[in-house]
Each structure stands twice: as C-alpha cells, then as structure tokens.
C-alpha cells in the first residue's frame, strides 16, 4: 500500500489539473451536449486516461533525472529522488498505468488513441534529448497541451469543421506562455544549472513571455467575436467577450507568480494553489457558461 501511495505521489497529483484541457472542448460543444449529455462521460474518461499517461511520463522523467533532482531543494523530496521508491518499481507501476490508459483509450475514437501515442512518444523524446535544446523544450511542452485539447475534441467525436482553430491556437500560445514562465522562474532560483538553461537569457524570456501573453489574449478575443463562434452558439451578440478581462487577469497573475524568486516551487505548481488565480479561473468559467448556455 505504501508503495502505491509513493507511486501516486510520483505521478504529481498537483499537475493533474493540466489534463483538464482534455475536458475543455466539451464545455464549448453546446450542440453536442444538448443532444447527448453522455458525452460528458467520454470527456471525463479522456481526462482520466491523460492522468494515467502523464503519470507514466512524470515517473519516467523522475527516473532519468533522479541524480539531478537530489540536489534540487524541492525535487529532492520526490519519492524516486529521495530513494523512498525504487526506480525499478516505479517503472513497473508506470508501465501498468500506461497499459491501463491504452486499454481504456480503445473505448474512444481511434483519433484519441493516436493523440495518446503521440503524447507519449513526444514526451519520451523530450525526456531523452529534446529538453536539452533551449526554447525547443518549451515548444515541445506546449505541443503536449495541444495534443490534450485535440484529444478532448476527438473524445467527444467532434467533426473537423466543429473544432475552433482560434481555441487551438490559444491553447498552444497559452502553453508556451506557461512554459516560458517556468523557465524564467528556474533561471531566477537555480541559475544556469541545467544544460538547456545555460542557453536561456532572462531578457529574451521576458520578451517572449510578453509576446506570447499578448498573442494568447488576442487569439482568445478573436475567438469570442468570430462569426463562426456566433453562428455555432446562435448568438446575436458576442457575449463571450465578457470573459476576456479574466483571461488577461490570469495571464498577469501568472507573470507575477513566475517572477517570485523567493519561492522554490514552480509557478505552474503555485498557480493551482494560488487563491487569486483560482478565483479568477472560477469567475472566468462562470462567465463562459453564462455566455454559452444561458
């Protein structure tokens, strides 16, 4: 039982909310949810599968990085780095999680399974060599979020014509923004202690963060007023614009969290515990549901 608890801890439950990107498409699929409320079950199953798959990736990464993690103030407390969970047992349980995820994926469209395989292969490549390449490492992370959102679309069997490419672009840009913020914080706290970090520049990271932040807000804003959006939701007025300020506030709040050098925790971990950030997400969600369904 203790081994299982340590394994679950290694899958980083604090990072599970990232897999909510898989659920996002069902919120915006008003026509489908009205006709078939059971697609929420398919969406939740997709979320559960990505929890298992991302858990496999995290454990594999922890096994690869255990020597480096032992000198990190926070990562040294992880089960594998601390020696509480053996690499062999961790890998064995991770493979079982991957097998269960693959089996469950067969209950969903094959396009979803393709996204799962692509996610696993991309992240294995990231762990093995891509993360050593500055900026490409952040792009690969963003690609993982893109696969999540596409998997969420395929899980509920959306047709290509129903997928909003503004939202797809917004997801990719937002993921880039979060990844750059994480690298910025690592530079502030650790300095150039990792090979890829040596090739980063604080000034360039700040510029890239502001650029991707503005681009994310613009992509979301364009989505809210796009004729295709208004037609899909049968809106006479682009009511989704009321949610734009909360997107901007969320981006600015994350910028603040990423700039805190006093905290050794990653800003992507802090944000899911930050009261202001979570409150803003909640209000954004309420405004989106009001605009779409009421």
Protein backbone atom coordinates (compact mmCIF):
# COMPACT_ATOMS: atom_id res chain seq x y z
CA UNK A 1 0.00 0.00 0.00
CA UNK A 2 2.83 2.39 0.87
CA UNK A 3 4.46 1.68 -2.49
CA UNK A 4 1.22 2.56 -4.31
CA UNK A 5 0.93 5.83 -2.37
CA UNK A 6 4.52 6.72 -3.27
CA UNK A 7 3.83 5.91 -6.91
CA UNK A 8 0.72 8.11 -6.97
CA UNK A 9 2.78 10.90 -5.42
CA UNK A 10 5.34 10.41 -8.21
CA UNK A 11 2.62 10.98 -10.81
CA UNK A 12 2.33 14.52 -9.39
CA UNK A 13 -1.35 14.94 -8.44
CA UNK A 14 -0.74 18.70 -8.25
CA UNK A 15 -0.22 18.60 -12.03
CA UNK A 16 -3.40 16.65 -12.80
CA UNK A 17 -5.39 19.88 -13.38
CA UNK A 18 -3.31 20.36 -16.57
CA UNK A 19 -5.27 17.46 -18.02
CA UNK A 20 -8.47 19.50 -17.72
CA UNK A 21 -7.50 20.76 -21.18
CA UNK A 22 -8.94 17.42 -22.35
CA UNK A 23 -12.30 18.41 -20.85
CA UNK A 24 -12.31 21.96 -22.26
CA UNK A 25 -13.80 21.06 -25.69
CA UNK A 26 -16.97 19.57 -24.17
CA UNK A 27 -17.73 22.88 -22.45
CA UNK A 28 -17.74 24.65 -25.80
CA UNK A 29 -19.58 21.83 -27.65
CA UNK A 30 -23.06 23.16 -26.88
CA UNK A 31 -24.82 21.43 -29.78
CA UNK A 32 -23.43 18.03 -28.78
CA UNK A 33 -24.13 18.35 -25.06
CA UNK A 34 -27.74 19.33 -25.80
CA UNK A 35 -28.26 16.24 -27.95
CA UNK A 36 -26.22 13.75 -25.93
CA UNK A 37 -25.42 14.61 -22.29
CA UNK A 38 -23.48 11.32 -22.00
CA UNK A 39 -20.56 12.81 -23.92
CA UNK A 40 -19.53 14.29 -20.58
CA UNK A 41 -18.66 10.69 -19.61
CA UNK A 42 -16.44 10.35 -22.69
CA UNK A 43 -14.77 13.64 -21.85
CA UNK A 44 -14.13 12.57 -18.24
CA UNK A 45 -12.75 9.23 -19.45
CA UNK A 46 -10.34 11.14 -21.69
CA UNK A 47 -9.25 13.19 -18.67
CA UNK A 48 -8.66 10.04 -16.62
CA UNK A 49 -6.62 8.48 -19.44
CA UNK A 50 -4.36 11.50 -19.66
CA UNK A 51 -3.88 11.47 -15.88
CA UNK A 52 -2.51 7.92 -16.25
CA UNK A 53 -0.44 8.71 -19.35
CA UNK A 54 1.07 11.91 -17.93
CA UNK A 55 1.78 9.95 -14.73
CA UNK A 56 3.80 7.47 -16.77
CA UNK A 57 5.76 10.35 -18.32
CA UNK A 58 6.44 12.01 -14.95
CA UNK A 59 7.71 8.78 -13.39
CA UNK A 60 9.93 8.04 -16.40
CA UNK A 61 11.30 11.57 -16.19
CA UNK A 62 11.93 11.25 -12.44
CA UNK A 63 13.88 8.03 -13.01
CA UNK A 64 16.02 9.73 -15.66
CA UNK A 65 16.59 12.84 -13.51
CA UNK A 66 16.99 11.27 -10.07
CA UNK A 67 20.66 12.27 -9.71
CA UNK A 68 19.99 15.90 -10.68
CA UNK A 69 16.81 16.04 -8.57
CA UNK A 70 18.74 15.09 -5.43
CA UNK A 71 20.50 18.47 -5.44
CA UNK A 72 17.28 20.45 -6.07
CA UNK A 73 15.62 21.99 -2.94
CA UNK A 74 12.12 20.78 -3.90
CA UNK A 75 12.64 17.89 -6.33
CA UNK A 76 14.91 16.08 -3.86
CA UNK A 77 11.77 15.28 -1.84
CA UNK A 78 10.20 13.29 -4.67
CA UNK A 79 9.85 9.55 -3.90
CA UNK A 80 12.33 8.34 -6.54
CA UNK A 81 14.94 11.06 -5.92
CA UNK A 82 14.76 10.53 -2.16
CA UNK A 83 15.05 6.74 -2.51
CA UNK A 84 11.64 6.03 -1.00
CA UNK A 85 10.52 4.42 -4.27
CA UNK A 86 12.94 2.30 -6.27
CA UNK A 87 13.36 3.16 -9.98
CA UNK A 88 12.54 -0.44 -10.95
CA UNK A 89 9.25 -0.50 -9.03
CA UNK A 90 8.37 3.00 -10.25
CA UNK A 91 8.91 2.00 -13.88
CA UNK A 92 6.93 -1.23 -13.42
CA UNK A 93 3.90 0.60 -12.00
CA UNK A 94 4.21 3.33 -14.63
CA UNK A 95 4.07 0.74 -17.41
CA UNK A 96 0.94 -0.75 -15.85
CA UNK A 97 -0.62 2.74 -15.79
CA UNK A 98 0.27 3.18 -19.47
CA UNK A 99 -1.22 -0.23 -20.33
CA UNK A 100 -4.46 0.62 -18.50
CA UNK A 101 -4.62 4.01 -20.26
CA UNK A 102 -4.10 2.38 -23.67
CA UNK A 103 -6.81 -0.19 -22.97
CA UNK A 104 -9.29 2.48 -21.86
CA UNK A 105 -8.45 4.52 -24.98
CA UNK A 106 -9.92 1.73 -27.10
CA UNK A 107 -13.34 2.78 -25.77
CA UNK A 108 -12.93 6.13 -27.55
CA UNK A 109 -12.40 7.02 -31.23
CA UNK A 110 -9.08 5.91 -32.77
CA UNK A 111 -8.06 9.55 -33.28
CA UNK A 112 -7.99 9.89 -29.49
CA UNK A 113 -5.68 6.86 -29.20
CA UNK A 114 -3.41 8.42 -31.85
CA UNK A 115 -3.14 11.56 -29.70
CA UNK A 116 -2.23 9.42 -26.68
CA UNK A 117 0.56 7.62 -28.55
CA UNK A 118 1.82 10.90 -29.99
CA UNK A 119 1.84 12.42 -26.50
CA UNK A 120 3.83 9.52 -25.05
CA UNK A 121 6.39 9.44 -27.88
CA UNK A 122 6.86 13.22 -27.84
CA UNK A 123 7.41 13.28 -24.09
CA UNK A 124 9.81 10.35 -24.17
CA UNK A 125 11.81 12.22 -26.82
CA UNK A 126 11.64 15.31 -24.58
CA UNK A 127 12.97 13.40 -21.57
CA UNK A 128 15.75 11.74 -23.56
CA UNK A 129 17.15 14.64 -25.59
CA UNK A 130 14.78 17.43 -26.70
CA UNK A 131 14.80 19.19 -23.32
CA UNK A 132 18.48 19.97 -23.79
CA UNK A 133 17.61 22.36 -26.64
CA UNK A 134 16.67 25.83 -25.38
CA UNK A 135 13.25 27.12 -26.46
CA UNK A 136 12.54 23.90 -28.37
CA UNK A 137 11.98 22.28 -24.97
CA UNK A 138 9.21 24.81 -24.22
CA UNK A 139 7.65 24.29 -27.67
CA UNK A 140 7.52 20.53 -27.05
CA UNK A 141 5.73 21.13 -23.72
CA UNK A 142 3.24 23.39 -25.49
CA UNK A 143 2.71 20.69 -28.12
CA UNK A 144 1.73 18.34 -25.30
CA UNK A 145 -1.08 20.70 -24.30
CA UNK A 146 -2.12 20.98 -27.92
CA UNK A 147 -2.44 17.19 -28.05
CA UNK A 148 -4.57 17.29 -24.91
CA UNK A 149 -7.06 19.74 -26.43
CA UNK A 150 -7.19 17.78 -29.70
CA UNK A 151 -7.67 14.54 -27.78
CA UNK A 152 -10.57 16.19 -25.95
CA UNK A 153 -12.14 17.10 -29.31
CA UNK A 154 -11.73 13.55 -30.61
CA UNK A 155 -13.01 12.01 -27.36
CA UNK A 156 -16.43 13.58 -27.94
CA UNK A 157 -16.24 12.89 -31.69
CA UNK A 158 -16.23 16.49 -32.91
CA UNK A 159 -16.07 16.90 -36.68
CA UNK A 160 -13.07 18.89 -38.02
CA UNK A 161 -15.47 21.67 -39.06
CA UNK A 162 -16.62 22.00 -35.43
CA UNK A 163 -13.14 22.50 -33.99
CA UNK A 164 -12.29 26.14 -33.38
CA UNK A 165 -8.77 26.77 -34.58
CA UNK A 166 -8.71 30.04 -32.66
CA UNK A 167 -9.06 27.98 -29.46
CA UNK A 168 -6.41 25.53 -30.67
CA UNK A 169 -4.04 28.45 -31.33
CA UNK A 170 -4.95 29.98 -27.98
CA UNK A 171 -4.13 26.70 -26.20
CA UNK A 172 -0.74 26.45 -27.89
CA UNK A 173 0.17 30.07 -27.11
CA UNK A 174 -1.02 29.78 -23.50
CA UNK A 175 1.08 26.64 -23.06
CA UNK A 176 4.12 28.43 -24.47
CA UNK A 177 3.47 31.26 -22.01
CA UNK A 178 3.30 28.86 -19.05
CA UNK A 179 6.43 27.02 -20.18
CA UNK A 180 8.40 30.24 -20.56
CA UNK A 181 7.24 31.35 -17.13
CA UNK A 182 8.50 28.10 -15.67
CA UNK A 183 11.90 28.59 -17.33
CA UNK A 184 12.02 32.20 -16.12
CA UNK A 185 11.45 31.06 -12.54
CA UNK A 186 14.09 28.33 -12.84
CA UNK A 187 16.60 30.93 -14.02
CA UNK A 188 15.77 33.16 -11.04
CA UNK A 189 16.01 30.37 -8.47
CA UNK A 190 18.61 27.97 -9.85
CA UNK A 191 20.55 29.92 -12.44
CA UNK A 192 22.07 28.01 -15.36
CA UNK A 193 22.37 24.66 -13.58
CA UNK A 194 20.88 22.63 -16.43
CA UNK A 195 22.21 22.33 -19.96
CA UNK A 196 19.19 23.95 -21.63
CA UNK A 197 19.05 26.75 -19.03
CA UNK A 198 22.59 27.81 -19.95
CA UNK A 199 21.29 28.85 -23.36
CA UNK A 200 18.41 30.92 -22.00
CA UNK A 201 18.59 34.67 -21.49
CA UNK A 202 16.43 36.45 -18.90
CA UNK A 203 15.78 39.41 -21.18
CA UNK A 204 14.76 37.19 -24.07
CA UNK A 205 12.48 35.10 -21.83
CA UNK A 206 10.74 38.25 -20.58
CA UNK A 207 10.20 39.48 -24.14
CA UNK A 208 8.93 36.07 -25.24
CA UNK A 209 6.54 35.90 -22.28
CA UNK A 210 5.03 39.30 -23.03
CA UNK A 211 4.74 38.46 -26.73
CA UNK A 212 3.03 35.10 -26.14
CA UNK A 213 0.84 36.60 -23.41
CA UNK A 214 -0.44 39.33 -25.73
CA UNK A 215 -0.87 36.82 -28.58
CA UNK A 216 -2.84 34.50 -26.28
CA UNK A 217 -5.21 37.27 -25.22
CA UNK A 218 -5.68 38.36 -28.85
CA UNK A 219 -6.34 34.80 -30.07
CA UNK A 220 -8.98 34.35 -27.36
CA UNK A 221 -10.52 37.74 -28.12
CA UNK A 222 -10.75 36.90 -31.84
CA UNK A 223 -12.44 33.61 -30.94
CA UNK A 224 -15.13 35.37 -28.90
CA UNK A 225 -16.13 37.65 -31.80
CA UNK A 226 -15.53 35.30 -34.75
CA UNK A 227 -18.62 34.88 -36.99
CA UNK A 228 -18.19 31.10 -36.78
CA UNK A 229 -18.38 31.29 -32.96
CA UNK A 230 -21.52 33.43 -33.04
CA UNK A 231 -23.15 31.08 -35.55
CA UNK A 232 -22.23 27.91 -33.61
CA UNK A 233 -23.69 29.24 -30.34
CA UNK A 234 -26.56 31.04 -32.09
CA UNK A 235 -25.59 34.39 -30.55
CA UNK A 236 -26.86 37.72 -31.78
CA UNK A 237 -24.23 39.48 -29.66
CA UNK A 238 -20.72 38.16 -28.82
CA UNK A 239 -21.46 37.54 -25.15
CA UNK A 240 -18.20 35.64 -24.66
CA UNK A 241 -16.36 38.98 -24.70
CA UNK A 242 -17.30 39.37 -21.01
CA UNK A 243 -14.76 36.62 -20.25
CA UNK A 244 -11.82 38.40 -21.91
CA UNK A 245 -10.82 40.50 -18.84
CA UNK A 246 -10.46 37.34 -16.76
CA UNK A 247 -8.13 35.80 -19.33
CA UNK A 248 -5.94 38.92 -19.16
CA UNK A 249 -6.00 38.92 -15.35
CA UNK A 250 -4.97 35.26 -15.29
CA UNK A 251 -2.03 35.94 -17.61
CA UNK A 252 -0.87 38.87 -15.48
CA UNK A 253 -1.24 36.88 -12.25
CA UNK A 254 0.90 34.07 -13.64
CA UNK A 255 3.53 36.63 -14.67
CA UNK A 256 3.68 37.75 -11.04
CA UNK A 257 3.98 34.17 -9.75
CA UNK A 258 6.78 33.39 -12.24
CA UNK A 259 8.71 36.47 -11.06
CA UNK A 260 8.89 35.39 -7.40
CA UNK A 261 12.46 34.36 -6.76
CA UNK A 262 11.76 33.78 -3.04
CA UNK A 263 9.71 30.64 -3.79
CA UNK A 264 11.46 27.46 -4.94
CA UNK A 265 8.19 25.95 -6.17
CA UNK A 266 7.45 26.03 -9.89
CA UNK A 267 4.90 28.73 -10.80
CA UNK A 268 2.81 26.07 -12.57
CA UNK A 269 2.54 24.30 -9.21
CA UNK A 270 1.93 27.50 -7.25
CA UNK A 271 -0.84 28.69 -9.58
CA UNK A 272 -3.08 25.69 -8.79
CA UNK A 273 -2.83 26.64 -5.09
CA UNK A 274 -2.97 30.41 -5.50
CA UNK A 275 -6.29 31.78 -4.19
CA UNK A 276 -6.42 34.78 -6.54
CA UNK A 277 -5.56 32.68 -9.60
CA UNK A 278 -8.15 30.01 -8.76
CA UNK A 279 -10.82 32.62 -8.00
CA UNK A 280 -10.17 34.25 -11.35
CA UNK A 281 -10.44 30.87 -13.13
CA UNK A 282 -13.74 30.24 -11.36
CA UNK A 283 -15.19 33.61 -12.41
CA UNK A 284 -13.95 33.04 -15.98
CA UNK A 285 -15.66 29.65 -16.04
CA UNK A 286 -18.93 31.12 -14.75
CA UNK A 287 -18.82 33.90 -17.37
CA UNK A 288 -18.22 31.36 -20.16
CA UNK A 289 -21.07 29.11 -19.01
CA UNK A 290 -23.38 32.14 -18.78
CA UNK A 291 -22.43 33.30 -22.27
CA UNK A 292 -22.88 29.88 -23.87
CA UNK A 293 -25.75 28.24 -22.04
CA UNK A 294 -27.95 31.00 -20.56
